[in-house]
Amino acid sequence: MSILMVNDWVDFNTLKGFLEITDGNLASHLATLERNKLAEMKKQFIGRKPNTRYRATAKGRELFKEHLDYLSKLIESQNQ
């Protein structure tokens, strides 16, 4: 999600390279994000090659920001 948060669209191979995981593992995680409406997919062809891109939805962005806020508060509470 963090990669999707800082990019408009990210293609599958770029995500795979950043995360250093298998195709199947990444596809499984992306399917979960899509099923929960946290990310959306767009398929297209670039030349003759298929290209699948992903981006965070408005709901995904909102929930991820809430998650970061929670983590920040948790860290702050441990430092007091």
C-alpha atoms as a PDB file:
ATOM      1  CA  MET A   1       0.000   0.000   0.000  1.00  0.00           C
ATOM      2  CA  SER A   2       2.827   2.398   0.775  1.00  0.00           C
ATOM      3  CA  ILE A   3       4.100   2.145  -2.806  1.00  0.00           C
ATOM      4  CA  LEU A   4       0.617   2.785  -4.153  1.00  0.00           C
ATOM      5  CA  MET A   5       0.250   5.793  -1.867  1.00  0.00           C
ATOM      6  CA  VAL A   6       3.199   7.662  -3.360  1.00  0.00           C
ATOM      7  CA  ASN A   7       2.550   6.857  -7.029  1.00  0.00           C
ATOM      8  CA  ASP A   8      -0.401   7.584  -9.300  1.00  0.00           C
ATOM      9  CA  TRP A   9      -0.198   4.158 -10.960  1.00  0.00           C
ATOM     10  CA  VAL A  10       2.342   1.351 -10.517  1.00  0.00           C
ATOM     11  CA  ASP A  11       2.669  -1.625 -12.834  1.00  0.00           C
ATOM     12  CA  PHE A  12       2.846  -5.206 -11.610  1.00  0.00           C
ATOM     13  CA  ASN A  13       6.508  -5.748 -12.506  1.00  0.00           C
ATOM     14  CA  THR A  14       7.578  -2.545 -10.750  1.00  0.00           C
ATOM     15  CA  LEU A  15       5.727  -3.604  -7.595  1.00  0.00           C
ATOM     16  CA  LYS A  16       7.292  -7.061  -7.822  1.00  0.00           C
ATOM     17  CA  GLY A  17      10.750  -5.532  -8.138  1.00  0.00           C
ATOM     18  CA  PHE A  18      10.317  -3.188  -5.166  1.00  0.00           C
ATOM     19  CA  LEU A  19       8.867  -5.882  -2.940  1.00  0.00           C
ATOM     20  CA  GLU A  20      11.086  -8.751  -4.118  1.00  0.00           C
ATOM     21  CA  ILE A  21       8.269 -11.314  -3.965  1.00  0.00           C
ATOM     22  CA  THR A  22       6.917 -13.928  -6.339  1.00  0.00           C
ATOM     23  CA  ASP A  23       4.227 -13.275  -8.943  1.00  0.00           C
ATOM     24  CA  GLY A  24       1.773 -15.481  -7.050  1.00  0.00           C
ATOM     25  CA  ASN A  25       2.392 -13.815  -3.698  1.00  0.00           C
ATOM     26  CA  LEU A  26       1.996 -10.330  -5.165  1.00  0.00           C
ATOM     27  CA  ALA A  27      -1.115 -11.322  -7.129  1.00  0.00           C
ATOM     28  CA  SER A  28      -2.661 -12.701  -3.942  1.00  0.00           C
ATOM     29  CA  HIS A  29      -2.008  -9.491  -2.000  1.00  0.00           C
ATOM     30  CA  LEU A  30      -3.284  -7.305  -4.838  1.00  0.00           C
ATOM     31  CA  ALA A  31      -6.438  -9.421  -5.158  1.00  0.00           C
ATOM     32  CA  THR A  32      -7.124  -8.867  -1.456  1.00  0.00           C
ATOM     33  CA  LEU A  33      -6.635  -5.109  -1.831  1.00  0.00           C
ATOM     34  CA  GLU A  34      -8.962  -5.067  -4.847  1.00  0.00           C
ATOM     35  CA  ARG A  35     -11.610  -7.245  -3.175  1.00  0.00           C
ATOM     36  CA  ASN A  36     -11.685  -4.805  -0.248  1.00  0.00           C
ATOM     37  CA  LYS A  37     -11.795  -1.788  -2.592  1.00  0.00           C
ATOM     38  CA  LEU A  38      -8.443  -0.484  -1.352  1.00  0.00           C
ATOM     39  CA  ALA A  39      -6.764  -0.673  -4.772  1.00  0.00           C
ATOM     40  CA  GLU A  40      -7.924  -0.745  -8.347  1.00  0.00           C
ATOM     41  CA  MET A  41      -6.445  -2.351 -11.439  1.00  0.00           C
ATOM     42  CA  LYS A  42      -6.197  -1.150 -15.028  1.00  0.00           C
ATOM     43  CA  LYS A  43      -5.134  -3.436 -17.870  1.00  0.00           C
ATOM     44  CA  GLN A  44      -3.774  -2.099 -21.135  1.00  0.00           C
ATOM     45  CA  PHE A  45      -1.382  -2.944 -23.913  1.00  0.00           C
ATOM     46  CA  ILE A  46       1.856  -1.077 -24.452  1.00  0.00           C
ATOM     47  CA  GLY A  47       2.799  -1.963 -27.978  1.00  0.00           C
ATOM     48  CA  ARG A  48       1.947  -5.639 -28.115  1.00  0.00           C
ATOM     49  CA  LYS A  49       2.706  -6.342 -24.475  1.00  0.00           C
ATOM     50  CA  PRO A  50       0.023  -6.495 -21.759  1.00  0.00           C
ATOM     51  CA  ASN A  51       0.523  -4.114 -18.858  1.00  0.00           C
ATOM     52  CA  THR A  52      -1.383  -4.250 -15.571  1.00  0.00           C
ATOM     53  CA  ARG A  53      -1.253  -1.201 -13.329  1.00  0.00           C
ATOM     54  CA  TYR A  54      -2.576  -0.546  -9.853  1.00  0.00           C
ATOM     55  CA  ARG A  55      -3.394   2.469  -7.731  1.00  0.00           C
ATOM     56  CA  ALA A  56      -4.824   3.122  -4.300  1.00  0.00           C
ATOM     57  CA  THR A  57      -8.509   4.037  -4.225  1.00  0.00           C
ATOM     58  CA  ALA A  58      -9.867   6.949  -2.181  1.00  0.00           C
ATOM     59  CA  LYS A  59     -10.991   4.420   0.440  1.00  0.00           C
ATOM     60  CA  GLY A  60      -7.552   2.792   0.415  1.00  0.00           C
ATOM     61  CA  ARG A  61      -5.821   6.136   0.865  1.00  0.00           C
ATOM     62  CA  GLU A  62      -8.098   7.086   3.740  1.00  0.00           C
ATOM     63  CA  LEU A  63      -7.667   3.781   5.559  1.00  0.00           C
ATOM     64  CA  PHE A  64      -3.896   3.747   5.041  1.00  0.00           C
ATOM     65  CA  LYS A  65      -3.621   7.269   6.473  1.00  0.00           C
ATOM     66  CA  GLU A  66      -5.679   6.148   9.466  1.00  0.00           C
ATOM     67  CA  HIS A  67      -3.304   3.210   9.879  1.00  0.00           C
ATOM     68  CA  LEU A  68      -0.265   5.523   9.810  1.00  0.00           C
ATOM     69  CA  ASP A  69      -1.918   7.855  12.334  1.00  0.00           C
ATOM     70  CA  TYR A  70      -2.558   4.907  14.632  1.00  0.00           C
ATOM     71  CA  LEU A  71       1.040   3.720  14.335  1.00  0.00           C
ATOM     72  CA  SER A  72       2.307   7.235  15.038  1.00  0.00           C
ATOM     73  CA  LYS A  73       0.168   7.479  18.202  1.00  0.00           C
ATOM     74  CA  LEU A  74       1.331   4.045  19.294  1.00  0.00           C
ATOM     75  CA  ILE A  75       4.980   5.021  18.886  1.00  0.00           C
ATOM     76  CA  GLU A  76       4.425   8.313  20.716  1.00  0.00           C
ATOM     77  CA  SER A  77       2.733   6.529  23.630  1.00  0.00           C
ATOM     78  CA  GLN A  78       5.735   4.192  23.979  1.00  0.00           C
ATOM     79  CA  ASN A  79       8.133   7.142  24.167  1.00  0.00           C
ATOM     80  CA  GLN A  80       6.362   8.778  27.105  1.00  0.00           C
END
